[in-house]
Structures are given as structure tokens and as C-alpha cells.
Amino acid sequence: MSYEIPEPYVWDDTFRTTYDNIDTDHKAIFECIFNCDKDRRNVPLINKLYEVTADHFKNEEVRRVYIVERV
């Protein structure tokens, strides 16, 4: 199964999950990647991408632990 990749590589509904908070995180990551691509030497933008991505995976891990504990 393959999916068409949007050009430019930006968020669209094909990336939606069933979790609004995860979608919000993913939208922020896409935005950061898009911004970094426009200015690849901009250290503050790269740091923002790192921060947003790290926060996303930290939050995702917390959500996963919460779900597992409830099962």
C-alpha cells in the first residue's frame, strides 16, 4: 500500500489519527520541518524542531503508559 506524499510536504487530513492531541503534535512537527527546510542554517528553527519532536515523543510515551495501565 502506498500513499501520495503532498508537495510541499505539509500536514493534510491524510495524516490524521483518531487522537486530536497527537494530530496537534504532528501538525507542529510538520510546520517545524517545513520552516527548517526553508532556512536550513537557522539554529533557532532547528532547536524548535528538536524541542517539539522531543516533547511529542515524551507525551506519546506518557499516553501509552496511561493506556496500558488502564487496560
N, C-alpha and C. Protein backbone atom coordinates (compact mmCIF):
# COMPACT_ATOMS: atom_id res chain seq x y z
N MET A 1 0.85 -1.17 0.00
CA MET A 1 0.00 0.00 0.00
C MET A 1 0.90 1.23 0.00
N SER A 2 0.60 2.18 -0.86
CA SER A 2 1.39 3.41 -0.88
C SER A 2 0.46 4.61 -0.77
N TYR A 3 1.04 5.68 -0.29
CA TYR A 3 0.29 6.92 -0.11
C TYR A 3 1.00 8.02 -0.86
N GLU A 4 0.23 8.90 -1.43
CA GLU A 4 0.82 10.03 -2.12
C GLU A 4 1.39 11.02 -1.11
N ILE A 5 2.56 11.52 -1.38
CA ILE A 5 3.21 12.48 -0.49
C ILE A 5 2.88 13.88 -0.99
N PRO A 6 2.28 14.72 -0.14
CA PRO A 6 1.90 16.06 -0.59
C PRO A 6 3.15 16.91 -0.88
N GLU A 7 3.02 17.78 -1.83
CA GLU A 7 4.11 18.70 -2.17
C GLU A 7 3.56 20.10 -2.11
N PRO A 8 4.05 21.00 -1.30
CA PRO A 8 5.16 20.72 -0.38
C PRO A 8 4.72 19.77 0.74
N TYR A 9 5.70 19.24 1.42
CA TYR A 9 5.44 18.25 2.47
C TYR A 9 4.86 18.96 3.69
N VAL A 10 3.54 19.09 3.69
CA VAL A 10 2.83 19.77 4.77
C VAL A 10 1.71 18.87 5.27
N TRP A 11 1.21 19.21 6.44
CA TRP A 11 0.13 18.45 7.04
C TRP A 11 -1.11 18.52 6.16
N ASP A 12 -1.78 17.40 5.99
CA ASP A 12 -3.11 17.39 5.43
C ASP A 12 -3.88 16.25 6.10
N ASP A 13 -5.15 16.12 5.80
CA ASP A 13 -6.01 15.16 6.51
C ASP A 13 -5.62 13.70 6.31
N THR A 14 -4.78 13.39 5.33
CA THR A 14 -4.36 12.00 5.15
C THR A 14 -3.48 11.54 6.30
N PHE A 15 -2.95 12.48 7.08
CA PHE A 15 -2.10 12.13 8.22
C PHE A 15 -2.87 12.06 9.54
N ARG A 16 -4.16 12.33 9.50
CA ARG A 16 -4.97 12.34 10.73
C ARG A 16 -4.96 10.99 11.43
N THR A 17 -4.94 11.08 12.75
CA THR A 17 -5.13 9.90 13.59
C THR A 17 -6.50 10.05 14.24
N THR A 18 -6.83 9.21 15.17
CA THR A 18 -8.10 9.37 15.87
C THR A 18 -7.93 10.15 17.17
N TYR A 19 -6.75 10.73 17.37
CA TYR A 19 -6.44 11.45 18.61
C TYR A 19 -6.08 12.90 18.28
N ASP A 20 -6.92 13.83 18.70
CA ASP A 20 -6.69 15.24 18.40
C ASP A 20 -5.37 15.75 18.96
N ASN A 21 -5.00 15.32 20.17
CA ASN A 21 -3.76 15.82 20.76
C ASN A 21 -2.53 15.33 19.98
N ILE A 22 -2.58 14.12 19.46
CA ILE A 22 -1.47 13.62 18.64
C ILE A 22 -1.44 14.36 17.31
N ASP A 23 -2.61 14.61 16.73
CA ASP A 23 -2.67 15.37 15.47
C ASP A 23 -2.10 16.77 15.66
N THR A 24 -2.38 17.39 16.78
CA THR A 24 -1.85 18.72 17.07
C THR A 24 -0.32 18.67 17.13
N ASP A 25 0.21 17.66 17.81
CA ASP A 25 1.67 17.48 17.87
C ASP A 25 2.25 17.28 16.47
N HIS A 26 1.61 16.43 15.70
CA HIS A 26 2.12 16.14 14.35
C HIS A 26 2.09 17.38 13.47
N LYS A 27 1.05 18.18 13.59
CA LYS A 27 0.97 19.42 12.81
C LYS A 27 2.13 20.34 13.16
N ALA A 28 2.47 20.43 14.45
CA ALA A 28 3.58 21.27 14.88
C ALA A 28 4.91 20.74 14.33
N ILE A 29 5.08 19.44 14.32
CA ILE A 29 6.30 18.84 13.77
C ILE A 29 6.40 19.15 12.28
N PHE A 30 5.32 18.97 11.54
CA PHE A 30 5.32 19.27 10.11
C PHE A 30 5.68 20.73 9.87
N GLU A 31 5.10 21.62 10.65
CA GLU A 31 5.38 23.05 10.50
C GLU A 31 6.86 23.34 10.74
N CYS A 32 7.41 22.73 11.77
CA CYS A 32 8.84 22.94 12.07
C CYS A 32 9.72 22.41 10.94
N ILE A 33 9.40 21.23 10.43
CA ILE A 33 10.18 20.67 9.31
C ILE A 33 10.10 21.59 8.10
N PHE A 34 8.91 22.07 7.80
CA PHE A 34 8.71 22.97 6.67
C PHE A 34 9.54 24.23 6.85
N ASN A 35 9.52 24.80 8.06
CA ASN A 35 10.28 26.02 8.33
C ASN A 35 11.79 25.78 8.24
N CYS A 36 12.23 24.65 8.76
CA CYS A 36 13.66 24.31 8.68
C CYS A 36 14.10 24.13 7.24
N ASP A 37 13.25 23.55 6.43
CA ASP A 37 13.60 23.33 5.03
C ASP A 37 13.79 24.66 4.29
N LYS A 38 13.03 25.68 4.67
CA LYS A 38 13.16 26.99 4.03
C LYS A 38 14.43 27.71 4.44
N ASP A 39 14.96 27.39 5.64
CA ASP A 39 16.14 28.08 6.16
C ASP A 39 16.98 27.08 6.96
N ARG A 40 17.71 26.24 6.25
CA ARG A 40 18.39 25.09 6.85
C ARG A 40 19.52 25.44 7.81
N ARG A 41 19.97 26.66 7.81
CA ARG A 41 21.07 27.06 8.71
C ARG A 41 20.58 27.86 9.92
N ASN A 42 19.29 27.93 10.08
CA ASN A 42 18.71 28.71 11.17
C ASN A 42 18.66 27.85 12.43
N VAL A 43 19.62 28.07 13.31
CA VAL A 43 19.75 27.24 14.52
C VAL A 43 18.52 27.33 15.42
N PRO A 44 17.93 28.50 15.65
CA PRO A 44 16.71 28.53 16.47
C PRO A 44 15.57 27.67 15.89
N LEU A 45 15.43 27.63 14.57
CA LEU A 45 14.40 26.78 13.97
C LEU A 45 14.72 25.30 14.18
N ILE A 46 15.97 24.94 14.05
CA ILE A 46 16.38 23.55 14.28
C ILE A 46 16.15 23.16 15.73
N ASN A 47 16.48 24.07 16.64
CA ASN A 47 16.24 23.81 18.07
C ASN A 47 14.76 23.65 18.36
N LYS A 48 13.94 24.45 17.69
CA LYS A 48 12.49 24.35 17.87
C LYS A 48 11.99 22.99 17.38
N LEU A 49 12.49 22.53 16.25
CA LEU A 49 12.12 21.21 15.74
C LEU A 49 12.51 20.13 16.74
N TYR A 50 13.70 20.23 17.29
CA TYR A 50 14.16 19.26 18.28
C TYR A 50 13.23 19.27 19.50
N GLU A 51 12.90 20.46 19.99
CA GLU A 51 12.05 20.60 21.18
C GLU A 51 10.65 20.04 20.94
N VAL A 52 10.06 20.40 19.82
CA VAL A 52 8.70 19.95 19.51
C VAL A 52 8.66 18.43 19.33
N THR A 53 9.67 17.88 18.65
CA THR A 53 9.73 16.44 18.44
C THR A 53 9.96 15.69 19.74
N ALA A 54 10.90 16.17 20.56
CA ALA A 54 11.17 15.52 21.85
C ALA A 54 9.93 15.55 22.74
N ASP A 55 9.27 16.70 22.80
CA ASP A 55 8.05 16.81 23.61
C ASP A 55 6.97 15.86 23.11
N HIS A 56 6.84 15.76 21.81
CA HIS A 56 5.83 14.87 21.24
C HIS A 56 6.07 13.42 21.69
N PHE A 57 7.30 12.94 21.55
CA PHE A 57 7.55 11.55 21.90
C PHE A 57 7.48 11.31 23.41
N LYS A 58 7.86 12.30 24.18
CA LYS A 58 7.71 12.19 25.64
C LYS A 58 6.23 12.09 25.99
N ASN A 59 5.42 12.95 25.41
CA ASN A 59 3.97 12.93 25.67
C ASN A 59 3.33 11.65 25.16
N GLU A 60 3.79 11.18 24.01
CA GLU A 60 3.24 9.94 23.46
C GLU A 60 3.56 8.76 24.38
N GLU A 61 4.74 8.74 24.95
CA GLU A 61 5.11 7.67 25.88
C GLU A 61 4.23 7.72 27.14
N VAL A 62 3.97 8.91 27.64
CA VAL A 62 3.10 9.06 28.80
C VAL A 62 1.70 8.56 28.46
N ARG A 63 1.20 8.91 27.29
CA ARG A 63 -0.13 8.45 26.88
C ARG A 63 -0.16 6.93 26.77
N ARG A 64 0.89 6.34 26.24
CA ARG A 64 0.95 4.88 26.07
C ARG A 64 0.93 4.19 27.43
N VAL A 65 1.71 4.70 28.38
CA VAL A 65 1.75 4.12 29.73
C VAL A 65 0.37 4.25 30.36
N TYR A 66 -0.28 5.39 30.21
CA TYR A 66 -1.61 5.60 30.77
C TYR A 66 -2.60 4.59 30.20
N ILE A 67 -2.55 4.39 28.88
CA ILE A 67 -3.47 3.44 28.25
C ILE A 67 -3.21 2.03 28.73
N VAL A 68 -1.95 1.62 28.80
CA VAL A 68 -1.60 0.27 29.24
C VAL A 68 -2.04 0.05 30.68
N GLU A 69 -1.86 1.03 31.53
CA GLU A 69 -2.26 0.89 32.93
C GLU A 69 -3.77 0.76 33.08
N ARG A 70 -4.52 1.32 32.17
CA ARG A 70 -5.99 1.27 32.26
C ARG A 70 -6.55 -0.04 31.72
N VAL A 71 -5.76 -0.76 30.93
CA VAL A 71 -6.26 -2.00 30.31
C VAL A 71 -6.26 -3.13 31.31
